[in-house]
Amino acid sequence: MRGEGQIYHTLSNGAGGRISRSRRQEMYVSMESGYERGGGRSRLMQTRTPQLKAPQSKIPASRGRSPAGSVPPASSQGRSSRKESGGIGPWLLWLLIVAMAFAAGLGTGWYIWERNTGSTVSLASIQAPEWIDQRLIRKNIYSRPAVSLRQVNDIVVHYVANPMSSAEDNRNYFDRLADQSGDGATSASAHFVIGLEGEIIQCIPVNEIAYASNNRNSDSIAIECCHPDETGEFTEATYDSLVKLTAWLCDETGISRKSVIRHYDITGKDCPRYFVGDEDAWKQFKKDVQAYQGDWGESGR
């Protein structure tokens, strides 16, 4: 058998003298292959890194159960966790649902109570004073549907948007809507109309709805105001009558000054135009209503 030194001598001193490193490597591999085929092994072959075998476990395989202290498989851990927590999840979910339902009911109840603290009297018992000209329009589906107004939460101020028209003109317009037929019919009305000279005409009883305030027709009283020009500013006489009428309605229905609003506050419509454009004028109007209400006394007359 050739030793390691012989192999090196052969690679270094072969025919032709010193050979290149790549050629020497090829010859070495060829020799190594030959020794392996012939069954011989050299010390050089023994220097190759041996293959490591996996260590054998000294713990015997269990039959049907895990040894003491061993960690069960992940799947069995998941099943165990689900069994332990399975009874808690549904109860927490039900408690959450009950809490949310209670909170929603409490909030709704508070809102309704807050809104219902205004009108506490029978609207049918309210009688118009002598300074209101009660000229009710005909019952019809377009302007006076004769649907009961059971409660008042707001007094809504409007302007007629028809300069120089009188209270009577607007009252008659509402009444003529009863004569409509076919498609394209118009629905409009108001409980009261205040004229350029301060006259007040009542068109609809306060215990019936009017078609003036969109989705708030069912819980509000509407006042339409005449005006001399496109600015929508009221005459002094119209303004004074509006303050007086609004204060009287507040006393009769039991609602506060905070419950006097503009059509604008409901829909964003430019109505009444002057009070929408001049916020200070609107605030002053509400102060004037409060002051007049105090002068009026408990009788409301």
Protein backbone atom coordinates (compact mmCIF):
# COMPACT_ATOMS: atom_id res chain seq x y z
CA MET A 1 0.00 0.00 0.00
CA ARG A 2 1.31 3.44 -0.77
CA GLY A 3 1.71 5.81 2.06
CA GLU A 4 0.81 9.44 2.17
CA GLY A 5 4.37 10.46 1.36
CA GLN A 6 4.42 8.25 -1.68
CA ILE A 7 1.23 9.82 -2.98
CA TYR A 8 2.74 13.26 -2.62
CA HIS A 9 5.97 12.16 -4.29
CA THR A 10 4.05 10.75 -7.21
CA LEU A 11 2.05 13.96 -7.61
CA SER A 12 5.15 16.14 -7.31
CA ASN A 13 7.80 14.22 -9.29
CA GLY A 14 5.94 12.55 -12.07
CA ALA A 15 7.05 12.67 -15.66
CA GLY A 16 7.56 16.10 -16.90
CA GLY A 17 8.61 17.57 -13.55
CA ARG A 18 6.37 19.72 -11.44
CA ILE A 19 2.70 19.76 -12.51
CA SER A 20 -0.03 22.30 -11.97
CA ARG A 21 -2.24 22.32 -8.92
CA SER A 22 -5.43 21.50 -10.87
CA ARG A 23 -3.78 18.55 -12.58
CA ARG A 24 -2.41 17.35 -9.28
CA GLN A 25 -5.89 17.44 -7.77
CA GLU A 26 -7.32 15.38 -10.65
CA MET A 27 -4.61 12.73 -10.20
CA TYR A 28 -5.23 12.61 -6.48
CA VAL A 29 -8.96 12.01 -6.95
CA SER A 30 -8.21 9.27 -9.50
CA MET A 31 -5.86 7.50 -7.09
CA GLU A 32 -8.34 7.78 -4.26
CA SER A 33 -11.08 6.22 -6.38
CA GLY A 34 -8.78 3.35 -7.29
CA TYR A 35 -7.97 2.55 -3.68
CA GLU A 36 -11.63 2.46 -2.77
CA ARG A 37 -12.43 0.07 -5.64
CA GLY A 38 -9.57 -2.21 -4.67
CA GLY A 39 -10.64 -2.45 -1.06
CA GLY A 40 -7.54 -0.79 0.29
CA ARG A 41 -7.57 2.27 2.54
CA SER A 42 -4.78 4.68 3.23
CA ARG A 43 -4.18 6.92 6.12
CA LEU A 44 -5.15 9.79 3.85
CA MET A 45 -8.61 8.30 3.36
CA GLN A 46 -8.99 7.93 7.09
CA THR A 47 -8.64 11.68 7.57
CA ARG A 48 -12.00 12.41 5.90
CA THR A 49 -14.67 13.72 8.24
CA PRO A 50 -16.85 10.81 9.44
CA GLN A 51 -20.64 11.00 9.12
CA LEU A 52 -22.39 11.57 12.42
CA LYS A 53 -25.32 9.45 13.43
CA ALA A 54 -28.31 10.78 15.37
CA PRO A 55 -28.14 9.83 19.03
CA GLN A 56 -30.53 7.14 20.11
CA SER A 57 -33.15 8.17 22.63
CA LYS A 58 -32.89 6.32 25.91
CA ILE A 59 -36.54 7.06 26.73
CA PRO A 60 -38.79 4.19 25.63
CA ALA A 61 -41.70 5.01 23.34
CA SER A 62 -44.95 5.34 25.26
CA ARG A 63 -47.95 3.22 24.60
CA GLY A 64 -51.14 5.26 24.67
CA ARG A 65 -49.88 8.07 26.89
CA SER A 66 -46.97 10.55 27.19
CA PRO A 67 -44.23 9.89 29.74
CA ALA A 68 -44.32 11.92 32.92
CA GLY A 69 -42.88 15.38 32.42
CA SER A 70 -43.07 15.25 28.61
CA VAL A 71 -44.81 17.97 26.56
CA PRO A 72 -47.96 16.79 24.72
CA PRO A 73 -48.28 17.50 20.99
CA ALA A 74 -49.45 20.97 19.90
CA SER A 75 -52.74 19.61 18.61
CA SER A 76 -53.61 18.09 21.98
CA GLN A 77 -52.65 21.35 23.70
CA GLY A 78 -55.07 23.28 21.46
CA ARG A 79 -57.88 20.85 22.24
CA SER A 80 -57.15 21.16 25.95
CA SER A 81 -57.14 24.98 25.81
CA ARG A 82 -60.41 25.03 23.90
CA LYS A 83 -62.02 22.72 26.45
CA GLU A 84 -60.87 24.91 29.33
CA SER A 85 -61.97 28.23 27.75
CA GLY A 86 -65.03 26.99 25.91
CA GLY A 87 -67.40 27.89 28.73
CA ILE A 88 -66.11 31.48 29.17
CA GLY A 89 -66.34 32.90 25.64
CA PRO A 90 -70.15 32.67 25.19
CA TRP A 91 -70.79 34.24 28.61
CA LEU A 92 -68.52 37.18 27.84
CA LEU A 93 -70.26 37.64 24.48
CA TRP A 94 -73.71 37.62 26.09
CA LEU A 95 -72.61 40.10 28.75
CA LEU A 96 -71.27 42.41 26.03
CA ILE A 97 -74.55 42.20 24.09
CA VAL A 98 -76.62 42.94 27.21
CA ALA A 99 -74.39 45.91 28.10
CA MET A 100 -74.66 47.38 24.60
CA ALA A 101 -78.44 46.94 24.54
CA PHE A 102 -78.74 48.61 27.96
CA ALA A 103 -76.58 51.55 26.87
CA ALA A 104 -78.58 51.99 23.65
CA GLY A 105 -81.88 51.89 25.53
CA LEU A 106 -80.65 54.33 28.15
CA GLY A 107 -79.41 56.76 25.51
CA THR A 108 -82.65 56.59 23.54
CA GLY A 109 -84.72 57.02 26.67
CA TRP A 110 -82.69 60.05 27.73
CA TYR A 111 -83.09 61.63 24.30
CA ILE A 112 -86.86 61.08 24.30
CA TRP A 113 -87.18 62.39 27.85
CA GLU A 114 -85.14 65.46 26.97
CA ARG A 115 -87.30 66.14 23.91
CA ASN A 116 -90.56 65.45 25.73
CA THR A 117 -89.99 67.91 28.57
CA GLY A 118 -91.31 70.75 26.39
CA SER A 119 -94.98 70.31 25.56
CA THR A 120 -96.99 69.05 28.51
CA VAL A 121 -100.46 70.45 27.77
CA SER A 122 -103.38 69.38 25.62
CA LEU A 123 -102.98 71.21 22.33
CA ALA A 124 -106.69 70.95 21.59
CA SER A 125 -107.40 73.09 24.66
CA ILE A 126 -105.35 76.07 23.42
CA GLN A 127 -107.58 78.97 22.37
CA ALA A 128 -106.31 81.75 20.12
CA PRO A 129 -106.43 85.25 21.70
CA GLU A 130 -108.34 88.07 20.03
CA TRP A 131 -105.27 89.59 18.36
CA ILE A 132 -104.99 86.48 16.15
CA ASP A 133 -107.31 86.37 13.14
CA GLN A 134 -108.39 82.73 12.98
CA ARG A 135 -109.23 81.96 9.33
CA LEU A 136 -108.70 78.24 8.93
CA ILE A 137 -108.19 76.82 5.44
CA ARG A 138 -110.20 73.90 4.07
CA LYS A 139 -109.27 70.35 4.99
CA ASN A 140 -107.48 68.67 2.10
CA ILE A 141 -104.57 66.32 1.43
CA TYR A 142 -102.27 69.06 0.10
CA SER A 143 -102.27 71.75 2.79
CA ARG A 144 -104.47 70.69 5.72
CA PRO A 145 -104.57 66.88 6.07
CA ALA A 146 -106.26 67.12 9.49
CA VAL A 147 -103.64 64.84 11.08
CA SER A 148 -103.36 65.27 14.84
CA LEU A 149 -100.30 67.05 16.25
CA ARG A 150 -99.94 65.30 19.58
CA GLN A 151 -96.90 67.11 20.90
CA VAL A 152 -94.86 70.24 20.18
CA ASN A 153 -91.08 70.22 20.56
CA ASP A 154 -90.19 73.32 18.53
CA ILE A 155 -91.58 76.57 17.13
CA VAL A 156 -90.18 76.96 13.60
CA VAL A 157 -89.76 80.42 12.01
CA HIS A 158 -90.01 80.75 8.17
CA TYR A 159 -90.20 83.53 5.59
CA VAL A 160 -92.60 83.42 2.62
CA ALA A 161 -89.90 84.09 -0.03
CA ASN A 162 -92.44 86.18 -1.97
CA PRO A 163 -91.65 89.88 -1.39
CA MET A 164 -94.54 92.29 -0.76
CA SER A 165 -97.13 89.50 -0.52
CA SER A 166 -99.56 89.91 2.40
CA ALA A 167 -100.64 87.49 5.11
CA GLU A 168 -103.99 87.10 3.38
CA ASP A 169 -102.30 86.38 0.03
CA ASN A 170 -100.34 83.53 1.55
CA ARG A 171 -103.33 82.22 3.51
CA ASN A 172 -105.40 82.08 0.30
CA TYR A 173 -102.56 80.34 -1.55
CA PHE A 174 -102.55 77.55 1.03
CA ASP A 175 -106.32 77.21 0.73
CA ARG A 176 -106.23 77.02 -3.11
CA LEU A 177 -103.91 74.03 -2.97
CA ALA A 178 -107.01 72.01 -2.10
CA ASP A 179 -108.17 72.41 -5.73
CA GLN A 180 -105.16 70.60 -7.23
CA SER A 181 -105.40 67.32 -9.11
CA GLY A 182 -103.09 65.00 -11.04
CA ASP A 183 -99.33 64.70 -10.95
CA GLY A 184 -97.01 67.49 -9.84
CA ALA A 185 -99.24 68.66 -6.99
CA THR A 186 -97.72 70.91 -4.30
CA SER A 187 -98.05 70.50 -0.56
CA ALA A 188 -97.46 73.59 1.62
CA SER A 189 -98.96 75.42 4.59
CA ALA A 190 -98.23 76.95 7.99
CA HIS A 191 -100.10 77.33 11.24
CA PHE A 192 -99.69 81.13 11.25
CA VAL A 193 -98.81 83.86 8.73
CA ILE A 194 -97.64 87.32 9.87
CA GLY A 195 -98.23 90.21 7.41
CA LEU A 196 -96.25 93.33 6.56
CA GLU A 197 -98.30 95.44 8.96
CA GLY A 198 -98.05 92.94 11.78
CA GLU A 199 -101.40 91.21 11.22
CA ILE A 200 -101.50 87.55 12.26
CA ILE A 201 -103.71 84.98 10.50
CA GLN A 202 -104.11 81.45 11.81
CA CYS A 203 -104.52 78.93 8.96
CA ILE A 204 -104.39 75.58 10.81
CA PRO A 205 -105.27 74.66 14.44
CA VAL A 206 -102.24 74.09 16.68
CA ASN A 207 -103.35 70.51 17.33
CA GLU A 208 -103.00 69.60 13.60
CA ILE A 209 -99.86 69.26 11.50
CA ALA A 210 -98.92 71.73 8.76
CA TYR A 211 -96.78 71.09 5.68
CA ALA A 212 -93.95 73.53 6.39
CA SER A 213 -90.98 71.96 8.18
CA ASN A 214 -90.20 68.76 6.29
CA ASN A 215 -89.46 65.86 8.65
CA ARG A 216 -90.39 68.04 11.64
CA ASN A 217 -94.02 68.58 10.65
CA SER A 218 -95.09 65.98 13.19
CA ASP A 219 -93.78 67.82 16.27
CA SER A 220 -93.56 71.54 15.48
CA ILE A 221 -95.63 74.69 14.95
CA ALA A 222 -94.78 76.76 11.86
CA ILE A 223 -94.86 80.55 11.53
CA GLU A 224 -94.51 82.16 8.07
CA CYS A 225 -93.44 85.83 7.93
CA CYS A 226 -93.98 88.30 5.09
CA HIS A 227 -91.17 90.68 4.03
CA PRO A 228 -90.89 93.70 1.70
CA ASP A 229 -87.84 92.73 -0.39
CA GLU A 230 -85.39 90.00 -1.37
CA THR A 231 -83.19 90.48 1.71
CA GLY A 232 -85.89 88.80 3.76
CA GLU A 233 -85.64 91.40 6.54
CA PHE A 234 -88.95 91.90 8.31
CA THR A 235 -90.68 95.21 8.89
CA GLU A 236 -90.73 96.46 12.46
CA ALA A 237 -94.42 95.58 12.73
CA THR A 238 -93.82 92.03 11.43
CA TYR A 239 -90.90 91.57 13.82
CA ASP A 240 -92.86 92.76 16.87
CA SER A 241 -95.77 90.44 16.05
CA LEU A 242 -93.37 87.52 15.56
CA VAL A 243 -91.87 88.10 19.01
CA LYS A 244 -95.32 88.34 20.58
CA LEU A 245 -96.74 85.28 18.81
CA THR A 246 -93.68 83.13 19.53
CA ALA A 247 -93.71 84.11 23.20
CA TRP A 248 -97.40 83.27 23.46
CA LEU A 249 -96.89 79.87 21.86
CA CYS A 250 -94.00 79.13 24.23
CA ASP A 251 -96.23 79.89 27.21
CA GLU A 252 -99.19 77.93 25.89
CA THR A 253 -97.25 74.81 24.93
CA GLY A 254 -94.75 74.95 27.79
CA ILE A 255 -91.60 74.85 25.63
CA SER A 256 -88.51 76.94 26.28
CA ARG A 257 -86.74 79.62 24.29
CA LYS A 258 -84.16 77.03 23.24
CA SER A 259 -86.91 75.27 21.35
CA VAL A 260 -87.42 78.20 18.93
CA ILE A 261 -85.58 77.34 15.71
CA ARG A 262 -85.29 78.33 12.06
CA HIS A 263 -86.27 76.25 9.05
CA TYR A 264 -82.55 76.43 8.30
CA ASP A 265 -81.77 74.49 11.48
CA ILE A 266 -83.77 71.53 10.16
CA THR A 267 -82.76 71.27 6.51
CA GLY A 268 -80.07 73.90 5.89
CA LYS A 269 -82.47 75.85 3.68
CA ASP A 270 -81.97 79.62 3.40
CA CYS A 271 -85.07 80.29 5.48
CA PRO A 272 -85.78 82.72 7.03
CA ARG A 273 -83.16 84.42 4.90
CA TYR A 274 -82.45 87.44 7.09
CA PHE A 275 -82.00 85.35 10.26
CA VAL A 276 -79.79 82.86 8.41
CA GLY A 277 -77.51 85.57 7.04
CA ASP A 278 -77.33 87.55 10.29
CA GLU A 279 -76.68 85.25 13.22
CA ASP A 280 -76.58 88.14 15.67
CA ALA A 281 -80.06 89.22 14.61
CA TRP A 282 -81.33 85.69 15.25
CA LYS A 283 -79.77 85.60 18.73
CA GLN A 284 -81.30 88.98 19.53
CA PHE A 285 -84.71 87.75 18.39
CA LYS A 286 -84.52 84.83 20.82
CA LYS A 287 -83.55 87.22 23.63
CA ASP A 288 -86.53 89.40 22.77
CA VAL A 289 -88.83 86.38 22.93
CA GLN A 290 -87.45 85.53 26.36
CA ALA A 291 -88.01 89.06 27.62
CA TYR A 292 -91.55 89.26 26.28
CA GLN A 293 -92.32 85.90 27.78
CA GLY A 294 -91.31 87.19 31.19
CA ASP A 295 -93.56 90.27 30.87
CA TRP A 296 -96.47 88.14 29.83
CA GLY A 297 -96.97 86.34 33.13
CA GLU A 298 -98.40 82.89 33.81
CA SER A 299 -101.79 83.53 32.20
CA GLY A 300 -100.30 83.52 28.72
CA ARG A 301 -102.74 86.24 27.64
